[in-house]
Structure formats: structure tokens, C-alpha cells
Amino acid sequence: MLRRTFWFTAGAAAGVWATTKVHRKLRQLTPESLAAQAANKAIDAGHKVREFAVDIRAGMARREAELGEALGLEAPADRALPAPRRLAAVERTERPGTTYSYNPHNRNEDH
């Protein structure tokens, strides 16, 4: 009788454990969960790329300073990059009676 009770309890515990594992895995495979995981990985990849770019720029500046010293060139202390150019694809026009510019091709408005 004790053997049967032991094996019944062991089987029930194994069933609860297996059911819990299956439900946890099913929750991980829902579309919302998969989208969240993909978004987190994309954010992490973006941070890594940004850190890499910062390291590259720091190395470039350090190497440029080394080359300037070796060649006896004096580089300006605060040399800044030129401002980025932004070209408008569609001409913006002023709407009469408003203080903001109006873009008739704006796809972000509510329809």
C-alpha cells in the first residue's frame, strides 16, 4: 500500500511539473511574447552597434591625433562635423490662419 501511495504521489508531481513546463513554453510561443523578444533583441543589437560606432570614432580620433603629431600638423582643437543636410522631398506650404507648416502628403494623420 505504501508503494502505491509513493508512486501515485510521484506520478502526480511529475504531471504537475510537466504541465507547468508546457504552459510556460506555450506562453513563450505566443505572438505577443515572440514580438517582445524580437524587439528586445533588436534594441540590444542597436545598443551594441552604437557602442561599436563610438569605439570606432574614438579610435579614429586617437589615430588622427597620433598621425598629426607624427607629421607635425596642428589640427584645430574643436573641429566639428558639418551639420547634416536635410532635403525636403515635398515642399511644405503655410496654411492660411495657422502658425504651423502644413504638409498635404502627411500620412500620420487620422483618417
Protein backbone atom coordinates (compact mmCIF):
# COMPACT_ATOMS: atom_id res chain seq x y z
CA MET A 1 0.00 0.00 0.00
CA LEU A 2 2.84 2.40 0.81
CA ARG A 3 4.45 1.66 -2.56
CA ARG A 4 1.26 2.55 -4.41
CA THR A 5 0.92 5.83 -2.47
CA PHE A 6 4.54 6.71 -3.24
CA TRP A 7 4.21 6.04 -6.96
CA PHE A 8 0.84 7.80 -7.13
CA THR A 9 2.37 10.89 -5.48
CA ALA A 10 5.46 10.73 -7.71
CA GLY A 11 3.25 10.48 -10.81
CA ALA A 12 1.07 13.39 -9.72
CA ALA A 13 4.15 15.52 -9.01
CA ALA A 14 5.64 14.63 -12.42
CA GLY A 15 2.34 15.52 -14.09
CA VAL A 16 2.17 18.91 -12.35
CA TRP A 17 5.81 19.61 -13.25
CA ALA A 18 5.27 18.64 -16.92
CA THR A 19 2.06 20.67 -17.17
CA THR A 20 3.81 23.72 -15.72
CA LYS A 21 6.69 23.36 -18.20
CA VAL A 22 4.33 23.00 -21.17
CA HIS A 23 2.24 26.02 -20.18
CA ARG A 24 5.39 28.13 -19.68
CA LYS A 25 6.67 27.14 -23.13
CA LEU A 26 3.28 27.86 -24.72
CA ARG A 27 3.27 31.35 -23.17
CA GLN A 28 6.73 31.95 -24.65
CA LEU A 29 5.49 31.00 -28.11
CA THR A 30 2.52 33.39 -28.26
CA PRO A 31 2.78 36.08 -30.96
CA GLU A 32 2.93 38.86 -28.33
CA SER A 33 5.77 37.16 -26.49
CA LEU A 34 7.69 36.46 -29.69
CA ALA A 35 7.26 40.10 -30.77
CA ALA A 36 8.52 41.33 -27.40
CA GLN A 37 11.54 39.01 -27.57
CA ALA A 38 12.35 40.19 -31.09
CA ALA A 39 12.01 43.83 -30.04
CA ASN A 40 14.33 43.29 -27.06
CA LYS A 41 16.92 41.60 -29.26
CA ALA A 42 16.70 44.42 -31.81
CA ILE A 43 17.20 47.01 -29.08
CA ASP A 44 20.19 45.09 -27.72
CA ALA A 45 21.69 44.84 -31.21
CA GLY A 46 21.16 48.58 -31.70
CA HIS A 47 22.98 49.33 -28.44
CA LYS A 48 25.87 47.10 -29.46
CA VAL A 49 26.14 48.76 -32.87
CA ARG A 50 26.08 52.20 -31.25
CA GLU A 51 28.81 51.21 -28.77
CA PHE A 52 30.86 49.84 -31.67
CA ALA A 53 30.45 53.10 -33.61
CA VAL A 54 31.50 55.14 -30.56
CA ASP A 55 34.59 52.95 -30.13
CA ILE A 56 35.45 53.31 -33.82
CA ARG A 57 35.11 57.10 -33.69
CA ALA A 58 37.25 57.31 -30.55
CA GLY A 59 39.90 55.14 -32.19
CA MET A 60 39.78 57.27 -35.36
CA ALA A 61 40.25 60.48 -33.35
CA ARG A 62 43.11 58.96 -31.38
CA ARG A 63 44.81 57.71 -34.55
CA GLU A 64 44.31 61.05 -36.29
CA ALA A 65 45.95 62.82 -33.34
CA GLU A 66 48.87 60.37 -33.47
CA LEU A 67 49.33 60.95 -37.18
CA GLY A 68 49.06 64.72 -36.72
CA GLU A 69 51.79 64.62 -34.08
CA ALA A 70 54.00 62.36 -36.20
CA LEU A 71 53.65 64.62 -39.26
CA GLY A 72 53.90 67.85 -37.26
CA LEU A 73 50.47 69.05 -38.27
CA GLU A 74 48.43 71.23 -35.99
CA ALA A 75 44.80 70.21 -36.05
CA PRO A 76 42.12 72.59 -34.79
CA ALA A 77 41.18 71.73 -31.22
CA ASP A 78 37.42 71.75 -31.67
CA ARG A 79 36.88 70.61 -35.22
CA ALA A 80 33.23 69.75 -35.59
CA LEU A 81 31.48 67.81 -38.29
CA PRO A 82 29.31 69.84 -40.64
CA ALA A 83 25.62 69.92 -39.89
CA PRO A 84 23.66 67.23 -41.72
CA ARG A 85 21.75 68.40 -44.76
CA ARG A 86 18.09 67.66 -44.86
CA LEU A 87 16.34 67.82 -48.17
CA ALA A 88 12.59 68.10 -48.26
CA ALA A 89 11.00 65.58 -50.58
CA VAL A 90 7.75 67.52 -50.66
CA GLU A 91 7.53 71.31 -50.41
CA ARG A 92 5.73 72.38 -47.26
CA THR A 93 3.25 75.20 -47.53
CA GLU A 94 1.70 77.51 -44.97
CA ARG A 95 -1.97 77.05 -44.34
CA PRO A 96 -3.92 80.31 -44.04
CA GLY A 97 -4.82 81.11 -40.45
CA THR A 98 -2.29 78.70 -38.85
CA THR A 99 1.17 79.14 -37.39
CA TYR A 100 2.48 75.73 -38.35
CA SER A 101 3.59 74.39 -41.70
CA TYR A 102 1.24 72.05 -43.46
CA ASN A 103 2.23 69.02 -45.48
CA PRO A 104 -0.66 67.83 -47.66
CA HIS A 105 1.05 64.41 -48.05
CA ASN A 106 1.26 63.68 -44.33
CA ARG A 107 0.38 60.02 -43.80
CA ASN A 108 0.38 60.29 -40.00
CA GLU A 109 -2.97 61.96 -39.65
CA ASP A 110 -6.08 60.13 -38.53
CA HIS A 111 -8.38 59.14 -41.35
